[in-house]
Amino acid sequence: VKVQAPVIFTTAFEDYALKAFQNQGYAYLLKPYD
């Protein structure tokens, strides 16, 4: 599906940051975040 809205990714893994930016990612939060 074509995602129109901004996405904030939340994950415990750092490895997916670049992939997140390529898929409508506007921010990348590493768990646990404050």
Full PDB file with SEQRES, HELIX, SHEET, SSBOND, CRYST1, ORIGX, SCALE, CONECT and MASTER records, all heavy atoms in Angstrom:
SEQRES   1 A   34  VAL LYS VAL GLN ALA PRO VAL ILE PHE THR THR ALA PHE          
SEQRES   2 A   34  GLU ASP TYR ALA LEU LYS ALA PHE GLN ASN GLN GLY TYR          
SEQRES   3 A   34  ALA TYR LEU LEU LYS PRO TYR ASP                              
HELIX    1 AA1 ALA A   17  PHE A   21  1                                   5    
SHEET    1 AA1 2 VAL A   7  THR A  11  0                                        
SHEET    2 AA1 2 GLY A  25  LEU A  30  1                                        
CRYST1    1.000    1.000    1.000  90.00  90.00  90.00 P 1           1          
ORIGX1      1.000000  0.000000  0.000000        0.00000                         
ORIGX2      0.000000  1.000000  0.000000        0.00000                         
ORIGX3      0.000000  0.000000  1.000000        0.00000                         
SCALE1      1.000000  0.000000  0.000000        0.00000                         
SCALE2      0.000000  1.000000  0.000000        0.00000                         
SCALE3      0.000000  0.000000  1.000000        0.00000                         
ATOM      1  N   VAL A   1       0.857  -1.196   0.000  1.00  0.00           N  
ATOM      2  CA  VAL A   1       0.000   0.000   0.000  1.00  0.00           C  
ATOM      3  C   VAL A   1       0.888   1.239   0.000  1.00  0.00           C  
ATOM      4  O   VAL A   1       1.988   1.227   0.556  1.00  0.00           O  
ATOM      5  CB  VAL A   1      -0.934  -0.009   1.234  1.00  0.00           C  
ATOM      6  CG1 VAL A   1      -0.139   0.015   2.525  1.00  0.00           C  
ATOM      7  CG2 VAL A   1      -1.918   1.153   1.191  1.00  0.00           C  
ATOM      8  N   LYS A   2       0.423   2.301  -0.632  1.00  0.00           N  
ATOM      9  CA  LYS A   2       1.161   3.567  -0.631  1.00  0.00           C  
ATOM     10  C   LYS A   2       0.858   4.298   0.668  1.00  0.00           C  
ATOM     11  O   LYS A   2      -0.280   4.694   0.924  1.00  0.00           O  
ATOM     12  CB  LYS A   2       0.768   4.426  -1.830  1.00  0.00           C  
ATOM     13  CG  LYS A   2       1.569   5.717  -1.943  1.00  0.00           C  
ATOM     14  CD  LYS A   2       1.258   6.440  -3.226  1.00  0.00           C  
ATOM     15  CE  LYS A   2       2.039   7.742  -3.326  1.00  0.00           C  
ATOM     16  NZ  LYS A   2       3.506   7.524  -3.277  1.00  0.00           N  
ATOM     17  N   VAL A   3       1.865   4.476   1.470  1.00  0.00           N  
ATOM     18  CA  VAL A   3       1.705   5.134   2.769  1.00  0.00           C  
ATOM     19  C   VAL A   3       1.945   6.629   2.596  1.00  0.00           C  
ATOM     20  O   VAL A   3       3.021   7.043   2.155  1.00  0.00           O  
ATOM     21  CB  VAL A   3       2.686   4.553   3.808  1.00  0.00           C  
ATOM     22  CG1 VAL A   3       2.538   5.270   5.150  1.00  0.00           C  
ATOM     23  CG2 VAL A   3       2.438   3.055   3.982  1.00  0.00           C  
ATOM     24  N   GLN A   4       0.946   7.426   2.937  1.00  0.00           N  
ATOM     25  CA  GLN A   4       1.026   8.874   2.754  1.00  0.00           C  
ATOM     26  C   GLN A   4       1.484   9.589   4.019  1.00  0.00           C  
ATOM     27  O   GLN A   4       2.136  10.636   3.950  1.00  0.00           O  
ATOM     28  CB  GLN A   4      -0.342   9.426   2.334  1.00  0.00           C  
ATOM     29  CG  GLN A   4      -0.912   8.806   1.074  1.00  0.00           C  
ATOM     30  CD  GLN A   4      -0.250   9.338  -0.188  1.00  0.00           C  
ATOM     31  OE1 GLN A   4       0.647  10.161  -0.138  1.00  0.00           O  
ATOM     32  NE2 GLN A   4      -0.704   8.859  -1.338  1.00  0.00           N  
ATOM     33  N   ALA A   5       1.143   9.056   5.179  1.00  0.00           N  
ATOM     34  CA  ALA A   5       1.410   9.755   6.431  1.00  0.00           C  
ATOM     35  C   ALA A   5       2.866   9.581   6.873  1.00  0.00           C  
ATOM     36  O   ALA A   5       3.510   8.580   6.542  1.00  0.00           O  
ATOM     37  CB  ALA A   5       0.478   9.219   7.523  1.00  0.00           C  
ATOM     38  N   PRO A   6       3.406  10.538   7.620  1.00  0.00           N  
ATOM     39  CA  PRO A   6       4.740  10.376   8.192  1.00  0.00           C  
ATOM     40  C   PRO A   6       4.788   9.182   9.133  1.00  0.00           C  
ATOM     41  O   PRO A   6       3.806   8.880   9.825  1.00  0.00           O  
ATOM     42  CB  PRO A   6       4.962  11.682   8.953  1.00  0.00           C  
ATOM     43  CG  PRO A   6       3.996  12.652   8.369  1.00  0.00           C  
ATOM     44  CD  PRO A   6       2.810  11.842   7.953  1.00  0.00           C  
ATOM     45  N   VAL A   7       5.926   8.503   9.154  1.00  0.00           N  
ATOM     46  CA  VAL A   7       6.097   7.316  10.002  1.00  0.00           C  
ATOM     47  C   VAL A   7       7.242   7.551  10.978  1.00  0.00           C  
ATOM     48  O   VAL A   7       8.325   7.995  10.576  1.00  0.00           O  
ATOM     49  CB  VAL A   7       6.391   6.059   9.166  1.00  0.00           C  
ATOM     50  CG1 VAL A   7       6.597   4.844  10.076  1.00  0.00           C  
ATOM     51  CG2 VAL A   7       5.254   5.796   8.178  1.00  0.00           C  
ATOM     52  N   ILE A   8       6.993   7.261  12.241  1.00  0.00           N  
ATOM     53  CA  ILE A   8       8.048   7.221  13.251  1.00  0.00           C  
ATOM     54  C   ILE A   8       8.286   5.757  13.575  1.00  0.00           C  
ATOM     55  O   ILE A   8       7.389   5.072  14.082  1.00  0.00           O  
ATOM     56  CB  ILE A   8       7.652   7.998  14.515  1.00  0.00           C  
ATOM     57  CG1 ILE A   8       7.469   9.487  14.189  1.00  0.00           C  
ATOM     58  CG2 ILE A   8       8.708   7.818  15.608  1.00  0.00           C  
ATOM     59  CD1 ILE A   8       6.977  10.311  15.361  1.00  0.00           C  
ATOM     60  N   PHE A   9       9.463   5.265  13.259  1.00  0.00           N  
ATOM     61  CA  PHE A   9       9.784   3.863  13.522  1.00  0.00           C  
ATOM     62  C   PHE A   9      10.273   3.703  14.954  1.00  0.00           C  
ATOM     63  O   PHE A   9      11.045   4.525  15.465  1.00  0.00           O  
ATOM     64  CB  PHE A   9      10.840   3.364  12.539  1.00  0.00           C  
ATOM     65  CG  PHE A   9      10.301   3.089  11.167  1.00  0.00           C  
ATOM     66  CD1 PHE A   9      10.331   4.069  10.188  1.00  0.00           C  
ATOM     67  CD2 PHE A   9       9.753   1.850  10.851  1.00  0.00           C  
ATOM     68  CE1 PHE A   9       9.831   3.824   8.912  1.00  0.00           C  
ATOM     69  CE2 PHE A   9       9.245   1.598   9.583  1.00  0.00           C  
ATOM     70  CZ  PHE A   9       9.285   2.583   8.613  1.00  0.00           C  
ATOM     71  N   THR A  10       9.820   2.628  15.601  1.00  0.00           N  
ATOM     72  CA  THR A  10      10.242   2.320  16.967  1.00  0.00           C  
ATOM     73  C   THR A  10      10.759   0.886  16.982  1.00  0.00           C  
ATOM     74  O   THR A  10      10.067  -0.034  16.534  1.00  0.00           O  
ATOM     75  CB  THR A  10       9.065   2.453  17.953  1.00  0.00           C  
ATOM     76  OG1 THR A  10       8.018   1.542  17.580  1.00  0.00           O  
ATOM     77  CG2 THR A  10       8.511   3.871  17.951  1.00  0.00           C  
ATOM     78  N   THR A  11      11.959   0.692  17.467  1.00  0.00           N  
ATOM     79  CA  THR A  11      12.552  -0.633  17.436  1.00  0.00           C  
ATOM     80  C   THR A  11      13.686  -0.731  18.440  1.00  0.00           C  
ATOM     81  O   THR A  11      14.200   0.288  18.911  1.00  0.00           O  
ATOM     82  CB  THR A  11      13.088  -0.962  16.030  1.00  0.00           C  
ATOM     83  OG1 THR A  11      13.694  -2.258  16.027  1.00  0.00           O  
ATOM     84  CG2 THR A  11      14.117   0.070  15.599  1.00  0.00           C  
ATOM     85  N   ALA A  12      14.075  -1.956  18.768  1.00  0.00           N  
ATOM     86  CA  ALA A  12      15.214  -2.185  19.653  1.00  0.00           C  
ATOM     87  C   ALA A  12      16.498  -2.393  18.859  1.00  0.00           C  
ATOM     88  O   ALA A  12      17.551  -2.641  19.444  1.00  0.00           O  
ATOM     89  CB  ALA A  12      14.944  -3.397  20.549  1.00  0.00           C  
ATOM     90  N   PHE A  13      16.409  -2.288  17.528  1.00  0.00           N  
ATOM     91  CA  PHE A  13      17.551  -2.614  16.675  1.00  0.00           C  
ATOM     92  C   PHE A  13      17.988  -1.394  15.856  1.00  0.00           C  
ATOM     93  O   PHE A  13      17.163  -0.716  15.255  1.00  0.00           O  
ATOM     94  CB  PHE A  13      17.193  -3.762  15.729  1.00  0.00           C  
ATOM     95  CG  PHE A  13      16.709  -4.998  16.444  1.00  0.00           C  
ATOM     96  CD1 PHE A  13      15.351  -5.219  16.618  1.00  0.00           C  
ATOM     97  CD2 PHE A  13      17.610  -5.912  16.958  1.00  0.00           C  
ATOM     98  CE1 PHE A  13      14.896  -6.342  17.281  1.00  0.00           C  
ATOM     99  CE2 PHE A  13      17.165  -7.046  17.616  1.00  0.00           C  
ATOM    100  CZ  PHE A  13      15.811  -7.263  17.793  1.00  0.00           C  
ATOM    101  N   GLU A  14      19.297  -1.140  15.820  1.00  0.00           N  
ATOM    102  CA  GLU A  14      19.835  -0.021  15.066  1.00  0.00           C  
ATOM    103  C   GLU A  14      19.966  -0.325  13.576  1.00  0.00           C  
ATOM    104  O   GLU A  14      20.071   0.581  12.757  1.00  0.00           O  
ATOM    105  CB  GLU A  14      21.216   0.369  15.609  1.00  0.00           C  
ATOM    106  CG  GLU A  14      21.200   0.836  17.054  1.00  0.00           C  
ATOM    107  CD  GLU A  14      22.581   1.244  17.532  1.00  0.00           C  
ATOM    108  OE1 GLU A  14      23.525   1.180  16.707  1.00  0.00           O  
ATOM    109  OE2 GLU A  14      22.720   1.622  18.704  1.00  0.00           O  
ATOM    110  N   ASP A  15      19.968  -1.612  13.216  1.00  0.00           N  
ATOM    111  CA  ASP A  15      20.333  -2.026  11.863  1.00  0.00           C  
ATOM    112  C   ASP A  15      19.364  -1.575  10.778  1.00  0.00           C  
ATOM    113  O   ASP A  15      19.706  -1.601   9.595  1.00  0.00           O  
ATOM    114  CB  ASP A  15      20.442  -3.560  11.795  1.00  0.00           C  
ATOM    115  CG  ASP A  15      21.456  -4.101  12.791  1.00  0.00           C  
ATOM    116  OD1 ASP A  15      22.259  -3.299  13.292  1.00  0.00           O  
ATOM    117  OD2 ASP A  15      21.443  -5.308  13.051  1.00  0.00           O  
ATOM    118  N   TYR A  16      18.148  -1.187  11.155  1.00  0.00           N  
ATOM    119  CA  TYR A  16      17.127  -0.890  10.150  1.00  0.00           C  
ATOM    120  C   TYR A  16      16.976   0.602   9.842  1.00  0.00           C  
ATOM    121  O   TYR A  16      16.052   0.989   9.129  1.00  0.00           O  
ATOM    122  CB  TYR A  16      15.774  -1.438  10.613  1.00  0.00           C  
ATOM    123  CG  TYR A  16      15.742  -2.930  10.813  1.00  0.00           C  
ATOM    124  CD1 TYR A  16      15.677  -3.477  12.091  1.00  0.00           C  
ATOM    125  CD2 TYR A  16      15.777  -3.802   9.725  1.00  0.00           C  
ATOM    126  CE1 TYR A  16      15.641  -4.856  12.279  1.00  0.00           C  
ATOM    127  CE2 TYR A  16      15.745  -5.169   9.902  1.00  0.00           C  
ATOM    128  CZ  TYR A  16      15.676  -5.695  11.185  1.00  0.00           C  
ATOM    129  OH  TYR A  16      15.640  -7.049  11.358  1.00  0.00           O  
ATOM    130  N   ALA A  17      17.867   1.447  10.371  1.00  0.00           N  
ATOM    131  CA  ALA A  17      17.696   2.894  10.239  1.00  0.00           C  
ATOM    132  C   ALA A  17      17.622   3.339   8.780  1.00  0.00           C  
ATOM    133  O   ALA A  17      16.706   4.067   8.392  1.00  0.00           O  
ATOM    134  CB  ALA A  17      18.817   3.622  10.967  1.00  0.00           C  
ATOM    135  N   LEU A  18      18.572   2.915   7.962  1.00  0.00           N  
ATOM    136  CA  LEU A  18      18.583   3.345   6.565  1.00  0.00           C  
ATOM    137  C   LEU A  18      17.339   2.864   5.834  1.00  0.00           C  
ATOM    138  O   LEU A  18      16.722   3.611   5.063  1.00  0.00           O  
ATOM    139  CB  LEU A  18      19.835   2.828   5.862  1.00  0.00           C  
ATOM    140  CG  LEU A  18      19.983   3.249   4.394  1.00  0.00           C  
ATOM    141  CD1 LEU A  18      19.967   4.763   4.260  1.00  0.00           C  
ATOM    142  CD2 LEU A  18      21.263   2.681   3.795  1.00  0.00           C  
ATOM    143  N   LYS A  19      16.940   1.624   6.075  1.00  0.00           N  
ATOM    144  CA  LYS A  19      15.733   1.087   5.454  1.00  0.00           C  
ATOM    145  C   LYS A  19      14.507   1.899   5.881  1.00  0.00           C  
ATOM    146  O   LYS A  19      13.600   2.154   5.072  1.00  0.00           O  
ATOM    147  CB  LYS A  19      15.557  -0.381   5.857  1.00  0.00           C  
ATOM    148  CG  LYS A  19      14.410  -1.104   5.166  1.00  0.00           C  
ATOM    149  CD  LYS A  19      14.737  -1.458   3.741  1.00  0.00           C  
ATOM    150  CE  LYS A  19      13.673  -2.367   3.142  1.00  0.00           C  
ATOM    151  NZ  LYS A  19      13.918  -2.656   1.717  1.00  0.00           N  
ATOM    152  N   ALA A  20      14.487   2.322   7.127  1.00  0.00           N  
ATOM    153  CA  ALA A  20      13.367   3.124   7.624  1.00  0.00           C  
ATOM    154  C   ALA A  20      13.287   4.453   6.894  1.00  0.00           C  
ATOM    155  O   ALA A  20      12.213   4.911   6.504  1.00  0.00           O  
ATOM    156  CB  ALA A  20      13.518   3.350   9.127  1.00  0.00           C  
ATOM    157  N   PHE A  21      14.442   5.095   6.671  1.00  0.00           N  
ATOM    158  CA  PHE A  21      14.459   6.380   5.987  1.00  0.00           C  
ATOM    159  C   PHE A  21      13.970   6.254   4.553  1.00  0.00           C  
ATOM    160  O   PHE A  21      13.423   7.191   3.982  1.00  0.00           O  
ATOM    161  CB  PHE A  21      15.873   6.955   5.989  1.00  0.00           C  
ATOM    162  CG  PHE A  21      16.440   7.146   7.363  1.00  0.00           C  
ATOM    163  CD1 PHE A  21      17.802   7.058   7.574  1.00  0.00           C  
ATOM    164  CD2 PHE A  21      15.616   7.412   8.444  1.00  0.00           C  
ATOM    165  CE1 PHE A  21      18.335   7.233   8.841  1.00  0.00           C  
ATOM    166  CE2 PHE A  21      16.134   7.584   9.713  1.00  0.00           C  
ATOM    167  CZ  PHE A  21      17.494   7.499   9.901  1.00  0.00           C  
ATOM    168  N   GLN A  22      14.140   5.083   3.968  1.00  0.00           N  
ATOM    169  CA  GLN A  22      13.725   4.853   2.590  1.00  0.00           C  
ATOM    170  C   GLN A  22      12.239   4.510   2.481  1.00  0.00           C  
ATOM    171  O   GLN A  22      11.712   4.380   1.387  1.00  0.00           O  
ATOM    172  CB  GLN A  22      14.562   3.727   1.975  1.00  0.00           C  
ATOM    173  CG  GLN A  22      16.041   4.072   1.849  1.00  0.00           C  
ATOM    174  CD  GLN A  22      16.894   2.891   1.440  1.00  0.00           C  
ATOM    175  OE1 GLN A  22      16.489   1.735   1.573  1.00  0.00           O  
ATOM    176  NE2 GLN A  22      18.084   3.160   0.936  1.00  0.00           N  
ATOM    177  N   ASN A  23      11.594   4.355   3.630  1.00  0.00           N  
ATOM    178  CA  ASN A  23      10.179   3.971   3.644  1.00  0.00           C  
ATOM    179  C   ASN A  23       9.367   4.928   4.511  1.00  0.00           C  
ATOM    180  O   ASN A  23       8.787   4.541   5.524  1.00  0.00           O  
ATOM    181  CB  ASN A  23      10.015   2.534   4.148  1.00  0.00           C  
ATOM    182  CG  ASN A  23      10.484   1.511   3.135  1.00  0.00           C  
ATOM    183  OD1 ASN A  23       9.750   1.130   2.226  1.00  0.00           O  
ATOM    184  ND2 ASN A  23      11.725   1.061   3.285  1.00  0.00           N  
ATOM    185  N   GLN A  24       9.334   6.190   4.087  1.00  0.00           N  
ATOM    186  CA  GLN A  24       8.466   7.196   4.698  1.00  0.00           C  
ATOM    187  C   GLN A  24       8.835   7.493   6.148  1.00  0.00           C  
ATOM    188  O   GLN A  24       8.050   8.077   6.888  1.00  0.00           O  
ATOM    189  CB  GLN A  24       6.990   6.740   4.615  1.00  0.00           C  
ATOM    190  CG  GLN A  24       5.930   7.819   4.802  1.00  0.00           C  
ATOM    191  CD  GLN A  24       5.958   8.875   3.704  1.00  0.00           C  
ATOM    192  OE1 GLN A  24       6.663   8.739   2.719  1.00  0.00           O  
ATOM    193  NE2 GLN A  24       5.193   9.937   3.883  1.00  0.00           N  
ATOM    194  N   GLY A  25      10.044   7.081   6.565  1.00  0.00           N  
ATOM    195  CA  GLY A  25      10.459   7.327   7.937  1.00  0.00           C  
ATOM    196  C   GLY A  25      10.867   8.771   8.163  1.00  0.00           C  
ATOM    197  O   GLY A  25      11.668   9.321   7.418  1.00  0.00           O  
ATOM    198  N   TYR A  26      10.318   9.389   9.190  1.00  0.00           N  
ATOM    199  CA  TYR A  26      10.659  10.756   9.546  1.00  0.00           C  
ATOM    200  C   TYR A  26      11.476  10.800  10.831  1.00  0.00           C  
ATOM    201  O   TYR A  26      12.118  11.806  11.119  1.00  0.00           O  
ATOM    202  CB  TYR A  26       9.395  11.591   9.723  1.00  0.00           C  
ATOM    203  CG  TYR A  26       8.776  12.041   8.424  1.00  0.00           C  
ATOM    204  CD1 TYR A  26       8.280  11.116   7.501  1.00  0.00           C  
ATOM    205  CD2 TYR A  26       8.679  13.379   8.099  1.00  0.00           C  
ATOM    206  CE1 TYR A  26       7.711  11.520   6.303  1.00  0.00           C  
ATOM    207  CE2 TYR A  26       8.107  13.806   6.911  1.00  0.00           C  
ATOM    208  CZ  TYR A  26       7.629  12.861   6.016  1.00  0.00           C  
ATOM    209  OH  TYR A  26       7.073  13.266   4.836  1.00  0.00           O  
ATOM    210  N   ALA A  27      11.432   9.743  11.616  1.00  0.00           N  
ATOM    211  CA  ALA A  27      12.221   9.650  12.847  1.00  0.00           C  
ATOM    212  C   ALA A  27      12.395   8.171  13.181  1.00  0.00           C  
ATOM    213  O   ALA A  27      11.624   7.316  12.740  1.00  0.00           O  
ATOM    214  CB  ALA A  27      11.540  10.391  13.990  1.00  0.00           C  
ATOM    215  N   TYR A  28      13.434   7.892  13.981  1.00  0.00           N  
ATOM    216  CA  TYR A  28      13.791   6.510  14.306  1.00  0.00           C  
ATOM    217  C   TYR A  28      14.099   6.454  15.796  1.00  0.00           C  
ATOM    218  O   TYR A  28      15.117   6.992  16.254  1.00  0.00           O  
ATOM    219  CB  TYR A  28      15.012   6.104  13.480  1.00  0.00           C  
ATOM    220  CG  TYR A  28      15.326   4.634  13.445  1.00  0.00           C  
ATOM    221  CD1 TYR A  28      14.674   3.785  12.564  1.00  0.00           C  
ATOM    222  CD2 TYR A  28      16.305   4.085  14.270  1.00  0.00           C  
ATOM    223  CE1 TYR A  28      14.968   2.443  12.499  1.00  0.00           C  
ATOM    224  CE2 TYR A  28      16.614   2.736  14.222  1.00  0.00           C  
ATOM    225  CZ  TYR A  28      15.950   1.924  13.332  1.00  0.00           C  
ATOM    226  OH  TYR A  28      16.255   0.577  13.271  1.00  0.00           O  
ATOM    227  N   LEU A  29      13.207   5.838  16.567  1.00  0.00           N  
ATOM    228  CA  LEU A  29      13.358   5.770  18.015  1.00  0.00           C  
ATOM    229  C   LEU A  29      13.827   4.382  18.435  1.00  0.00           C  
ATOM    230  O   LEU A  29      13.211   3.379  18.070  1.00  0.00           O  
ATOM    231  CB  LEU A  29      12.031   6.084  18.706  1.00  0.00           C  
ATOM    232  CG  LEU A  29      11.515   7.518  18.571  1.00  0.00           C  
ATOM    233  CD1 LEU A  29      10.142   7.634  19.224  1.00  0.00           C  
ATOM    234  CD2 LEU A  29      12.483   8.500  19.201  1.00  0.00           C  
ATOM    235  N   LEU A  30      14.894   4.353  19.200  1.00  0.00           N  
ATOM    236  CA  LEU A  30      15.395   3.081  19.722  1.00  0.00           C  
ATOM    237  C   LEU A  30      14.777   2.815  21.087  1.00  0.00           C  
ATOM    238  O   LEU A  30      14.845   3.661  21.989  1.00  0.00           O  
ATOM    239  CB  LEU A  30      16.923   3.116  19.835  1.00  0.00           C  
ATOM    240  CG  LEU A  30      17.699   2.990  18.526  1.00  0.00           C  
ATOM    241  CD1 LEU A  30      19.189   3.180  18.775  1.00  0.00           C  
ATOM    242  CD2 LEU A  30      17.449   1.627  17.885  1.00  0.00           C  
ATOM    243  N   LYS A  31      14.162   1.654  21.243  1.00  0.00           N  
ATOM    244  CA  LYS A  31      13.593   1.280  22.536  1.00  0.00           C  
ATOM    245  C   LYS A  31      14.720   0.933  23.511  1.00  0.00           C  
ATOM    246  O   LYS A  31      15.704   0.297  23.112  1.00  0.00           O  
ATOM    247  CB  LYS A  31      12.675   0.061  22.375  1.00  0.00           C  
ATOM    248  CG  LYS A  31      11.477   0.274  21.467  1.00  0.00           C  
ATOM    249  CD  LYS A  31      10.720  -1.042  21.312  1.00  0.00           C  
ATOM    250  CE  LYS A  31       9.538  -0.913  20.368  1.00  0.00           C  
ATOM    251  NZ  LYS A  31       8.842  -2.202  20.172  1.00  0.00           N  
ATOM    252  N   PRO A  32      14.575   1.287  24.778  1.00  0.00           N  
ATOM    253  CA  PRO A  32      13.494   2.111  25.347  1.00  0.00           C  
ATOM    254  C   PRO A  32      13.808   3.586  25.164  1.00  0.00           C  
ATOM    255  O   PRO A  32      14.918   4.027  25.405  1.00  0.00           O  
ATOM    256  CB  PRO A  32      13.521   1.722  26.823  1.00  0.00           C  
ATOM    257  CG  PRO A  32      14.953   1.375  27.083  1.00  0.00           C  
ATOM    258  CD  PRO A  32      15.491   0.773  25.808  1.00  0.00           C  
ATOM    259  N   TYR A  33      12.846   4.363  24.719  1.00  0.00           N  
ATOM    260  CA  TYR A  33      13.030   5.790  24.515  1.00  0.00           C  
ATOM    261  C   TYR A  33      12.260   6.539  25.596  1.00  0.00           C  
ATOM    262  O   TYR A  33      11.290   6.039  26.165  1.00  0.00           O  
ATOM    263  CB  TYR A  33      12.546   6.211  23.127  1.00  0.00           C  
ATOM    264  CG  TYR A  33      11.174   5.706  22.767  1.00  0.00           C  
ATOM    265  CD1 TYR A  33      10.031   6.395  23.158  1.00  0.00           C  
ATOM    266  CD2 TYR A  33      11.019   4.519  22.043  1.00  0.00           C  
ATOM    267  CE1 TYR A  33       8.770   5.929  22.838  1.00  0.00           C  
ATOM    268  CE2 TYR A  33       9.757   4.044  21.720  1.00  0.00           C  
ATOM    269  CZ  TYR A  33       8.644   4.749  22.117  1.00  0.00           C  
ATOM    270  OH  TYR A  33       7.397   4.286  21.805  1.00  0.00           O  
ATOM    271  N   ASP A  34      12.706   7.741  25.902  1.00  0.00           N  
ATOM    272  CA  ASP A  34      12.054   8.525  26.955  1.00  0.00           C  
ATOM    273  C   ASP A  34      11.139   9.598  26.362  1.00  0.00           C  
ATOM    274  O   ASP A  34      11.025   9.728  25.143  1.00  0.00           O  
ATOM    275  CB  ASP A  34      13.090   9.142  27.907  1.00  0.00           C  
ATOM    276  CG  ASP A  34      14.085  10.045  27.183  1.00  0.00           C  
ATOM    277  OD1 ASP A  34      13.723  10.601  26.123  1.00  0.00           O  
ATOM    278  OD2 ASP A  34      15.220  10.196  27.674  1.00  0.00           O  
TER     279      ASP A  34                                                      
MASTER        0    0    0    1    2    0    0    6  278    1    0    3          
END                                                                             
